[in-house]
N, C-alpha and C. Protein backbone atom coordinates (compact mmCIF):
# COMPACT_ATOMS: atom_id res chain seq x y z
N UNK A 1 -30.37 -33.87 -10.72
CA UNK A 1 -30.44 -32.50 -9.85
C UNK A 1 -29.62 -31.33 -11.03
N UNK A 2 -29.95 -30.37 -11.04
CA UNK A 2 -29.44 -29.61 -12.03
C UNK A 2 -28.30 -28.85 -11.54
N UNK A 3 -27.11 -28.49 -12.26
CA UNK A 3 -26.02 -28.02 -11.95
C UNK A 3 -26.40 -26.37 -11.76
N UNK A 4 -25.86 -25.87 -10.57
CA UNK A 4 -25.88 -24.48 -10.02
C UNK A 4 -24.75 -23.87 -10.35
N UNK A 5 -24.79 -22.51 -10.66
CA UNK A 5 -23.81 -21.59 -11.05
C UNK A 5 -22.73 -21.49 -9.89
N UNK A 6 -23.40 -21.55 -8.64
CA UNK A 6 -22.36 -21.33 -7.66
C UNK A 6 -22.22 -22.67 -6.62
N UNK A 7 -21.22 -22.82 -6.33
CA UNK A 7 -21.03 -24.13 -5.35
C UNK A 7 -21.61 -24.11 -4.06
N UNK A 8 -22.20 -24.54 -3.34
CA UNK A 8 -22.18 -24.36 -1.84
C UNK A 8 -20.80 -23.60 -1.25
N UNK A 9 -19.57 -24.19 -1.61
CA UNK A 9 -18.48 -23.94 -0.66
C UNK A 9 -17.68 -22.74 -1.22
N UNK A 10 -18.45 -22.33 -2.23
CA UNK A 10 -17.74 -21.08 -3.26
C UNK A 10 -17.61 -20.08 -2.06
N UNK A 11 -18.50 -19.66 -1.07
CA UNK A 11 -18.58 -18.69 -0.41
C UNK A 11 -17.53 -18.77 0.81
N UNK A 12 -17.41 -20.18 1.10
CA UNK A 12 -16.26 -20.50 1.95
C UNK A 12 -14.79 -20.02 1.38
N UNK A 13 -14.50 -20.35 0.16
CA UNK A 13 -13.38 -19.72 -0.44
C UNK A 13 -13.05 -18.39 -0.66
N UNK A 14 -14.13 -17.55 -0.40
CA UNK A 14 -13.95 -16.11 -0.98
C UNK A 14 -13.48 -15.24 0.12
N UNK A 15 -12.48 -14.68 0.25
CA UNK A 15 -11.80 -13.87 0.97
C UNK A 15 -12.59 -12.62 1.37
N UNK A 16 -13.68 -12.25 0.45
CA UNK A 16 -14.55 -10.90 0.45
C UNK A 16 -15.77 -11.28 1.24
N UNK A 17 -16.10 -12.53 1.23
CA UNK A 17 -17.59 -12.84 1.79
C UNK A 17 -17.77 -12.58 3.23
N UNK A 18 -18.54 -11.75 3.69
CA UNK A 18 -18.92 -11.40 5.11
C UNK A 18 -19.23 -12.46 5.79
N UNK A 19 -18.47 -13.31 6.27
CA UNK A 19 -18.97 -14.40 7.13
C UNK A 19 -18.86 -14.34 8.63
N UNK A 20 -18.46 -13.13 9.10
CA UNK A 20 -18.01 -13.47 10.56
C UNK A 20 -18.91 -12.25 11.13
N UNK A 21 -19.61 -12.47 12.37
CA UNK A 21 -20.39 -11.51 12.92
C UNK A 21 -19.07 -10.73 13.78
N UNK A 22 -19.54 -9.67 14.25
CA UNK A 22 -18.79 -8.93 15.06
C UNK A 22 -17.90 -9.51 16.39
N UNK A 23 -18.87 -9.99 16.80
CA UNK A 23 -18.53 -10.96 18.17
C UNK A 23 -17.42 -12.22 17.93
N UNK A 24 -17.75 -12.79 16.81
CA UNK A 24 -17.01 -13.72 16.37
C UNK A 24 -15.70 -13.14 15.90
N UNK A 25 -15.91 -12.08 14.98
CA UNK A 25 -14.32 -11.57 14.69
C UNK A 25 -13.69 -11.08 15.60
N UNK A 26 -14.19 -10.26 16.84
CA UNK A 26 -13.41 -9.72 17.78
C UNK A 26 -12.80 -10.97 18.68
N UNK A 27 -13.49 -11.95 18.91
CA UNK A 27 -12.94 -13.18 19.42
C UNK A 27 -11.82 -13.82 18.45
N UNK A 28 -11.91 -13.91 17.40
CA UNK A 28 -10.72 -14.34 16.44
C UNK A 28 -9.37 -13.61 16.63
N UNK A 29 -9.58 -12.11 16.61
CA UNK A 29 -8.77 -11.18 16.69
C UNK A 29 -7.90 -11.05 18.26
N UNK A 30 -8.83 -11.67 19.25
CA UNK A 30 -8.28 -11.25 20.75
C UNK A 30 -8.54 -9.78 21.05
N UNK A 31 -9.59 -9.29 20.41
CA UNK A 31 -9.75 -7.68 20.89
C UNK A 31 -11.35 -7.70 21.12
N UNK A 32 -11.66 -6.25 21.19
CA UNK A 32 -13.30 -6.21 21.60
C UNK A 32 -13.60 -5.92 20.45
N UNK A 33 -15.16 -5.68 20.32
CA UNK A 33 -15.83 -5.18 19.36
C UNK A 33 -16.10 -3.47 19.48
N UNK A 34 -15.45 -3.05 20.16
CA UNK A 34 -15.07 -1.51 20.24
C UNK A 34 -13.84 -1.49 19.44
N UNK A 35 -13.04 -2.16 19.49
CA UNK A 35 -11.55 -2.03 18.31
C UNK A 35 -12.28 -2.19 17.00
N UNK A 36 -12.88 -3.09 16.65
CA UNK A 36 -13.80 -3.20 15.24
C UNK A 36 -14.16 -1.77 14.86
N UNK A 37 -15.20 -1.37 15.97
CA UNK A 37 -15.85 -0.36 15.50
C UNK A 37 -14.84 0.81 15.29
N UNK A 38 -13.95 1.14 16.18
CA UNK A 38 -12.96 1.95 15.96
C UNK A 38 -12.25 2.12 14.59
N UNK A 39 -12.06 0.69 13.93
CA UNK A 39 -11.44 0.63 12.76
C UNK A 39 -12.14 1.33 11.70
N UNK A 40 -13.58 0.93 11.79
CA UNK A 40 -14.44 1.26 10.99
C UNK A 40 -14.64 3.09 10.90
N UNK A 41 -14.62 3.43 12.27
CA UNK A 41 -14.74 5.09 12.16
C UNK A 41 -13.47 5.49 11.70
N UNK A 42 -12.37 4.81 11.60
CA UNK A 42 -11.11 5.50 10.97
C UNK A 42 -10.84 4.99 9.48
N UNK A 43 -12.09 4.38 8.95
CA UNK A 43 -12.37 4.13 7.52
C UNK A 43 -11.21 3.10 7.11
N UNK A 44 -11.02 2.34 8.17
CA UNK A 44 -9.56 1.27 7.79
C UNK A 44 -10.29 0.04 7.22
N UNK A 45 -11.65 -0.53 7.50
CA UNK A 45 -12.61 -1.11 7.21
C UNK A 45 -14.04 -0.98 7.26
N UNK A 46 -14.68 -1.31 6.33
CA UNK A 46 -16.17 -1.01 6.47
C UNK A 46 -16.97 -2.29 6.34
N UNK A 47 -17.54 -2.88 7.12
CA UNK A 47 -18.12 -4.12 7.42
C UNK A 47 -19.47 -3.91 6.58
N UNK A 48 -19.74 -5.02 6.02
CA UNK A 48 -21.14 -5.33 5.43
C UNK A 48 -22.28 -5.40 6.45
N UNK A 49 -23.54 -5.20 5.91
CA UNK A 49 -24.33 -5.40 7.16
C UNK A 49 -25.34 -6.32 6.78
N UNK A 50 -25.62 -6.98 7.84
CA UNK A 50 -26.75 -8.33 7.61
C UNK A 50 -28.16 -7.56 7.52
N UNK A 51 -29.20 -8.54 6.96
CA UNK A 51 -30.32 -8.00 6.75
C UNK A 51 -31.05 -7.35 8.18
N UNK A 52 -30.52 -7.57 9.41
CA UNK A 52 -31.06 -7.26 10.71
C UNK A 52 -30.11 -5.91 11.04
N UNK A 53 -29.06 -5.36 10.21
CA UNK A 53 -28.29 -4.45 10.48
C UNK A 53 -27.04 -4.42 11.20
N UNK A 54 -26.80 -5.98 11.31
CA UNK A 54 -25.49 -6.45 12.10
C UNK A 54 -24.06 -6.39 11.37
N UNK A 55 -23.31 -5.73 11.93
CA UNK A 55 -22.01 -5.98 10.95
C UNK A 55 -21.61 -7.48 10.68
N UNK A 56 -20.82 -7.60 9.70
CA UNK A 56 -20.22 -8.69 9.06
C UNK A 56 -19.03 -8.33 8.44
N UNK A 57 -17.90 -9.39 8.83
CA UNK A 57 -16.43 -9.12 8.40
C UNK A 57 -16.19 -10.17 7.59
N UNK A 58 -15.23 -9.94 6.62
CA UNK A 58 -14.70 -10.95 5.65
C UNK A 58 -13.30 -11.39 6.25
N UNK A 59 -13.06 -12.53 5.71
CA UNK A 59 -11.41 -12.70 6.06
C UNK A 59 -10.52 -11.87 5.62
N UNK A 60 -10.45 -11.27 4.62
CA UNK A 60 -9.80 -10.06 4.11
C UNK A 60 -9.83 -8.82 5.13
N UNK A 61 -10.94 -8.31 5.54
CA UNK A 61 -10.85 -7.33 6.49
C UNK A 61 -10.42 -7.95 7.83
N UNK A 62 -10.46 -9.03 8.31
CA UNK A 62 -9.97 -9.60 9.44
C UNK A 62 -8.43 -9.53 9.13
N UNK A 63 -7.63 -9.78 8.26
CA UNK A 63 -6.28 -9.78 8.14
C UNK A 63 -5.83 -8.28 8.35
N UNK A 64 -6.55 -7.29 7.55
CA UNK A 64 -6.49 -5.92 8.00
C UNK A 64 -6.49 -5.54 9.36
N UNK A 65 -7.61 -5.99 9.71
CA UNK A 65 -7.77 -5.63 11.42
C UNK A 65 -6.54 -6.06 12.33
N UNK A 66 -6.23 -7.37 11.78
CA UNK A 66 -5.03 -8.04 12.43
C UNK A 66 -3.64 -7.33 12.04
N UNK A 67 -3.72 -6.71 11.32
CA UNK A 67 -2.31 -6.02 11.13
C UNK A 67 -2.50 -4.58 11.94
N UNK A 68 -3.53 -3.97 11.90
CA UNK A 68 -3.82 -2.74 12.74
C UNK A 68 -3.75 -3.09 14.13
N UNK A 69 -3.93 -4.31 14.98
CA UNK A 69 -3.90 -4.48 16.13
C UNK A 69 -2.57 -4.88 16.41
N UNK A 70 -1.85 -5.58 15.66
CA UNK A 70 -0.17 -5.32 15.93
C UNK A 70 0.25 -4.24 16.03
N UNK A 71 0.02 -3.23 15.30
CA UNK A 71 0.66 -1.87 15.44
C UNK A 71 0.23 -1.39 16.85
N UNK A 72 -1.10 -1.36 17.17
CA UNK A 72 -1.51 -0.68 18.28
C UNK A 72 -0.77 -1.56 19.52
N UNK A 73 -0.70 -2.59 19.45
CA UNK A 73 -0.15 -3.78 20.22
C UNK A 73 1.18 -3.16 20.68
N UNK A 74 1.90 -2.44 19.80
CA UNK A 74 3.40 -2.07 19.90
C UNK A 74 3.19 -0.64 20.19
N UNK A 75 2.08 0.04 20.45
CA UNK A 75 2.23 1.10 21.19
C UNK A 75 1.80 2.31 20.17
N UNK A 76 1.16 2.18 19.05
CA UNK A 76 0.88 3.11 17.93
C UNK A 76 -0.61 3.28 18.23
N UNK A 77 -0.95 5.02 18.18
CA UNK A 77 -2.61 4.92 18.53
C UNK A 77 -2.92 4.48 17.38
N UNK A 78 -4.31 4.22 17.48
CA UNK A 78 -5.30 3.64 16.42
C UNK A 78 -5.56 4.27 15.23
N UNK A 79 -5.82 5.73 15.44
CA UNK A 79 -5.74 6.53 14.18
C UNK A 79 -4.55 6.40 13.36
N UNK A 80 -3.14 6.36 14.17
CA UNK A 80 -2.28 6.20 13.44
C UNK A 80 -1.81 4.89 12.52
N UNK A 81 -2.17 3.83 13.44
CA UNK A 81 -2.40 2.29 13.01
C UNK A 81 -2.99 2.06 11.61
N UNK A 82 -4.19 2.59 11.66
CA UNK A 82 -5.12 2.96 10.50
C UNK A 82 -4.52 3.43 9.48
N UNK A 83 -3.97 4.68 9.53
CA UNK A 83 -3.16 5.24 8.33
C UNK A 83 -1.96 4.37 7.99
N UNK A 84 -1.35 3.85 8.57
CA UNK A 84 -0.01 3.03 8.29
C UNK A 84 -0.72 1.83 7.41
N UNK A 85 -1.67 1.13 7.88
CA UNK A 85 -2.09 -0.05 7.13
C UNK A 85 -2.76 0.46 5.89
N UNK A 86 -3.52 1.59 5.70
CA UNK A 86 -3.92 2.01 4.64
C UNK A 86 -2.63 2.62 3.65
N UNK A 87 -1.84 2.94 4.07
CA UNK A 87 -0.59 3.18 3.06
C UNK A 87 0.43 2.20 2.84
N UNK A 88 0.44 1.07 3.77
CA UNK A 88 0.94 0.11 3.27
C UNK A 88 0.13 -0.89 2.17
N UNK A 89 -1.11 -0.75 2.14
CA UNK A 89 -1.86 -1.26 1.21
C UNK A 89 -1.83 -0.59 -0.15
N UNK A 90 -1.80 0.46 0.05
CA UNK A 90 -1.44 1.57 -1.41
C UNK A 90 -0.33 1.29 -1.89
N UNK A 91 0.88 1.20 -1.24
CA UNK A 91 1.98 0.90 -1.68
C UNK A 91 2.26 -0.73 -2.38
N UNK A 92 1.56 -1.39 -1.69
CA UNK A 92 1.64 -2.73 -2.26
C UNK A 92 0.98 -2.55 -3.59
N UNK A 93 0.07 -2.15 -3.55
CA UNK A 93 -0.90 -1.98 -4.95
C UNK A 93 -0.03 -1.40 -5.93
N UNK A 94 0.71 -0.32 -5.48
CA UNK A 94 1.70 0.54 -6.63
C UNK A 94 2.64 -0.27 -7.19
N UNK A 95 3.23 -1.11 -6.06
CA UNK A 95 4.34 -1.67 -6.45
C UNK A 95 3.78 -3.10 -7.54
N UNK A 96 2.68 -3.59 -7.16
CA UNK A 96 2.04 -4.67 -8.12
C UNK A 96 1.86 -3.96 -9.43
N UNK A 97 1.41 -3.09 -9.54
CA UNK A 97 1.20 -2.19 -10.64
C UNK A 97 2.27 -2.10 -11.49
N UNK A 98 3.13 -1.59 -10.92
CA UNK A 98 4.60 -1.25 -11.32
C UNK A 98 5.27 -2.52 -11.84
N UNK A 99 5.03 -3.59 -11.22
CA UNK A 99 5.86 -4.71 -11.81
C UNK A 99 4.94 -5.38 -13.09
N UNK A 100 3.57 -5.19 -13.08
CA UNK A 100 2.71 -5.64 -14.34
C UNK A 100 3.34 -4.64 -15.39
N UNK A 101 3.31 -3.38 -15.25
CA UNK A 101 3.85 -2.68 -16.44
C UNK A 101 5.28 -2.83 -16.89
N UNK A 102 6.21 -3.16 -15.95
CA UNK A 102 7.60 -3.67 -16.35
C UNK A 102 7.42 -5.03 -17.10
N UNK A 103 6.54 -5.72 -16.49
CA UNK A 103 6.58 -7.04 -17.31
C UNK A 103 5.89 -6.90 -18.65
N UNK A 104 4.96 -5.99 -18.85
CA UNK A 104 4.47 -5.96 -20.31
C UNK A 104 5.07 -5.02 -21.32
N UNK A 105 6.39 -4.33 -20.60
CA UNK A 105 7.06 -3.46 -21.55
C UNK A 105 8.04 -4.46 -22.29
N UNK A 106 8.07 -4.52 -23.59
CA UNK A 106 8.97 -5.32 -24.51
C UNK A 106 10.15 -4.36 -24.80
N UNK A 107 11.18 -5.03 -24.66
CA UNK A 107 12.55 -4.44 -25.01
C UNK A 107 12.57 -3.81 -26.32
N UNK A 108 12.75 -2.77 -27.01
CA UNK A 108 13.21 -2.49 -28.21
C UNK A 108 14.92 -2.55 -28.65
N UNK A 109 14.82 -3.46 -29.75
CA UNK A 109 16.35 -3.55 -30.18
C UNK A 109 16.76 -2.37 -30.67
N UNK A 110 18.25 -2.43 -30.39
CA UNK A 110 18.89 -1.13 -30.64
C UNK A 110 18.84 -0.75 -32.31
N UNK A 111 18.70 0.44 -32.76
CA UNK A 111 19.02 0.71 -34.19
C UNK A 111 20.34 0.38 -34.70
N UNK A 112 20.62 0.24 -35.70
CA UNK A 112 22.02 0.05 -36.25
C UNK A 112 22.21 1.08 -37.43
């Protein structure tokens, strides 16, 4: 049997693979499909579409949706929750880049 370039389980390991239907995603989050649609309308997550046009969500998108759900459950309006999650994500990325730049910086010895 020839070796394939992709293991069958590689999709299971991929956080970005759109493995979950809207119904299953809503069930996992303990919310409604309307909540997931609202997250899409507020541009927090953009699900991929199956060949039949059905929304499909990745584990990464479900983690983002879960964070938005936490904020909404605390009384934050959904539009504001989406903006907060987007800003948190941007801050995390900026901090990661900052750390990389600091690690790459080689100290210059003082001149005598």
